[in-house]
Amino acid sequence: MLCVAITWNLVACAGNIAEPFNAENVQPQEAIEFIGEYHASWEKLDFEAVAQLHAPDFEYVFFDQIVPGDAFPEILPTIWMKGVAVYSIEETDFEVVLIEPDHAFVTLAVSDETEYENGSIAKTSGVMSYLLHKDENWEIVRIHHSGPPSTDLYAGEPQE
């Protein structure tokens, strides 16, 4: 009897398996290009454009901080990017894993430079991973940014 119940549960679970992967909907190069567009919004210091590319349940793990999506529109101009005059980011070593039916997990190496209005410069390097979802358009569900944080990060505005 127990064996029949287990088999029935397995069959019931199998009914919840995601739809077959749609290779026409999700392409590795599209995911890479989307991340490039996202980083371009950062470089333009266009924080509204940055936030618009996030999924409703977005979360950003930034070094030792976990930032929920609803905090993002305010945290960028008031804390993370306060006093920033110029921001640039370099991306290399993309690895894309397609996840059925409409997600992509992307890892890449990054190095960035933040020039503050007071002339100070902070540089970081590390690795980022993105969980992306595509319905009609790509959106970012989760970002994890790790690496050794620069001691000069936020040098344009002292942090509390």
Protein backbone atom coordinates (compact mmCIF):
# COMPACT_ATOMS: atom_id res chain seq x y z
CA MET A 1 0.00 0.00 0.00
CA LEU A 2 2.79 2.42 0.86
CA CYS A 3 4.51 1.68 -2.43
CA VAL A 4 1.34 2.52 -4.37
CA ALA A 5 1.01 5.82 -2.49
CA ILE A 6 4.59 6.76 -3.25
CA THR A 7 4.17 5.91 -6.92
CA TRP A 8 0.96 7.94 -7.06
CA ASN A 9 2.72 10.94 -5.48
CA LEU A 10 5.55 10.71 -7.96
CA VAL A 11 3.11 10.65 -10.84
CA ALA A 12 1.24 13.60 -9.35
CA CYS A 13 4.50 15.54 -9.03
CA ALA A 14 5.47 14.70 -12.58
CA GLY A 15 2.33 16.50 -13.72
CA ASN A 16 3.84 19.74 -12.32
CA ILE A 17 6.98 19.61 -14.43
CA ALA A 18 7.58 22.82 -16.37
CA GLU A 19 6.64 23.18 -19.99
CA PRO A 20 9.20 21.97 -22.51
CA PHE A 21 12.03 24.41 -23.08
CA ASN A 22 11.29 26.91 -25.83
CA ALA A 23 14.60 27.54 -27.60
CA GLU A 24 12.97 30.19 -29.75
CA ASN A 25 11.94 32.16 -26.66
CA VAL A 26 15.21 32.02 -24.72
CA GLN A 27 18.58 32.41 -26.44
CA PRO A 28 21.94 32.72 -24.64
CA GLN A 29 23.04 35.71 -26.73
CA GLU A 30 19.81 37.57 -25.95
CA ALA A 31 20.45 37.12 -22.22
CA ILE A 32 23.98 38.50 -22.61
CA GLU A 33 22.73 41.47 -24.64
CA PHE A 34 20.05 42.19 -22.02
CA ILE A 35 22.66 42.32 -19.27
CA GLY A 36 24.67 44.72 -21.44
CA GLU A 37 21.60 46.96 -21.77
CA TYR A 38 21.08 46.79 -18.01
CA HIS A 39 24.67 47.82 -17.34
CA ALA A 40 24.34 50.64 -19.90
CA SER A 41 21.47 52.04 -17.80
CA TRP A 42 23.80 52.01 -14.79
CA GLU A 43 26.49 53.81 -16.79
CA LYS A 44 23.97 56.48 -17.81
CA LEU A 45 23.05 56.83 -14.11
CA ASP A 46 19.44 56.29 -15.22
CA PHE A 47 18.09 54.72 -12.05
CA GLU A 48 14.49 54.56 -13.27
CA ALA A 49 15.61 52.55 -16.31
CA VAL A 50 17.62 50.27 -14.01
CA ALA A 51 14.63 49.59 -11.76
CA GLN A 52 12.26 49.02 -14.71
CA LEU A 53 14.29 45.99 -15.76
CA HIS A 54 13.70 44.24 -12.44
CA ALA A 55 11.01 41.61 -11.87
CA PRO A 56 8.39 42.35 -9.21
CA ASP A 57 10.12 39.95 -6.79
CA PHE A 58 13.64 41.23 -7.59
CA GLU A 59 16.43 40.90 -5.05
CA TYR A 60 20.05 42.12 -5.21
CA VAL A 61 22.76 40.46 -3.12
CA PHE A 62 25.57 43.02 -3.14
CA PHE A 63 28.70 41.92 -1.28
CA ASP A 64 27.34 41.81 2.30
CA GLN A 65 23.94 43.41 1.65
CA ILE A 66 20.63 41.90 0.57
CA VAL A 67 18.49 44.55 -1.08
CA PRO A 68 14.84 43.83 -1.94
CA GLY A 69 13.55 45.25 -5.21
CA ASP A 70 11.22 47.78 -3.65
CA ALA A 71 14.21 49.47 -1.96
CA PHE A 72 16.09 49.88 -5.22
CA PRO A 73 14.56 53.05 -6.65
CA GLU A 74 15.56 54.96 -3.52
CA ILE A 75 18.86 53.28 -2.59
CA LEU A 76 20.56 54.03 -5.92
CA PRO A 77 20.52 57.86 -5.91
CA THR A 78 20.61 58.28 -2.12
CA ILE A 79 23.23 55.72 -1.07
CA TRP A 80 24.93 53.54 -3.68
CA MET A 81 25.34 56.11 -6.42
CA LYS A 82 25.20 59.31 -4.36
CA GLY A 83 27.77 61.80 -5.58
CA VAL A 84 28.71 59.67 -8.61
CA ALA A 85 29.79 61.65 -11.66
CA VAL A 86 30.84 58.77 -13.93
CA TYR A 87 30.31 55.03 -13.68
CA SER A 88 31.66 52.34 -16.00
CA ILE A 89 31.54 48.55 -15.96
CA GLU A 90 33.45 45.97 -17.97
CA GLU A 91 32.00 42.48 -18.50
CA THR A 92 33.87 39.32 -19.47
CA ASP A 93 33.65 35.55 -19.31
CA PHE A 94 29.91 35.12 -19.76
CA GLU A 95 28.47 31.69 -18.99
CA VAL A 96 24.78 31.12 -19.72
CA VAL A 97 22.68 28.22 -18.48
CA LEU A 98 19.20 28.04 -19.95
CA ILE A 99 16.54 26.86 -17.50
CA GLU A 100 13.26 25.47 -18.74
CA PRO A 101 11.02 26.93 -19.95
CA ASP A 102 11.83 30.67 -19.82
CA HIS A 103 14.73 31.44 -17.51
CA ALA A 104 18.47 31.91 -17.87
CA PHE A 105 21.18 31.85 -15.23
CA VAL A 106 24.14 33.98 -16.29
CA THR A 107 27.51 34.37 -14.61
CA LEU A 108 30.17 36.86 -15.65
CA ALA A 109 33.30 38.54 -14.40
CA VAL A 110 33.07 42.28 -13.86
CA SER A 111 35.30 45.19 -13.06
CA ASP A 112 33.92 48.65 -12.54
CA GLU A 113 35.06 52.15 -11.78
CA THR A 114 33.12 54.82 -9.94
CA GLU A 115 34.28 58.43 -10.20
CA TYR A 116 32.71 60.71 -7.63
CA GLU A 117 31.99 64.41 -7.99
CA ASN A 118 34.72 65.13 -5.42
CA GLY A 119 37.29 63.46 -7.71
CA SER A 120 37.76 60.25 -5.71
CA ILE A 121 37.67 56.97 -7.60
CA ALA A 122 36.62 53.50 -6.42
CA LYS A 123 37.29 50.32 -8.34
CA THR A 124 35.83 46.88 -7.73
CA SER A 125 36.14 43.56 -9.47
CA GLY A 126 34.44 40.28 -8.93
CA VAL A 127 31.76 38.02 -10.24
CA MET A 128 28.07 38.60 -10.83
CA SER A 129 25.33 36.09 -11.39
CA TYR A 130 21.92 36.89 -12.80
CA LEU A 131 18.71 34.92 -12.74
CA LEU A 132 16.68 36.19 -15.68
CA HIS A 133 13.10 35.51 -16.70
CA LYS A 134 11.64 36.07 -20.13
CA ASP A 135 7.97 36.49 -20.84
CA GLU A 136 7.59 39.03 -23.63
CA ASN A 137 10.76 40.80 -22.47
CA TRP A 138 13.64 39.90 -20.21
CA GLU A 139 13.54 40.88 -16.55
CA ILE A 140 15.97 40.36 -13.70
CA VAL A 141 14.76 38.22 -10.84
CA ARG A 142 17.97 38.08 -8.81
CA ILE A 143 21.51 39.43 -8.94
CA HIS A 144 24.41 38.27 -6.82
CA HIS A 145 27.50 40.52 -6.91
CA SER A 146 30.55 39.25 -5.06
CA GLY A 147 34.23 39.89 -4.81
CA PRO A 148 36.53 41.87 -2.60
CA PRO A 149 34.80 45.23 -1.99
CA SER A 150 36.95 48.27 -2.52
CA THR A 151 37.82 50.17 0.65
CA ASP A 152 37.10 53.31 -1.40
CA LEU A 153 33.57 52.24 -2.29
CA TYR A 154 31.18 55.09 -1.48
CA ALA A 155 34.18 57.42 -1.08
CA GLY A 156 32.10 60.29 -2.47
CA GLU A 157 29.82 60.19 0.55
CA PRO A 158 30.76 58.71 3.94
CA GLN A 159 28.60 55.75 4.93
CA GLU A 160 27.06 55.37 8.35
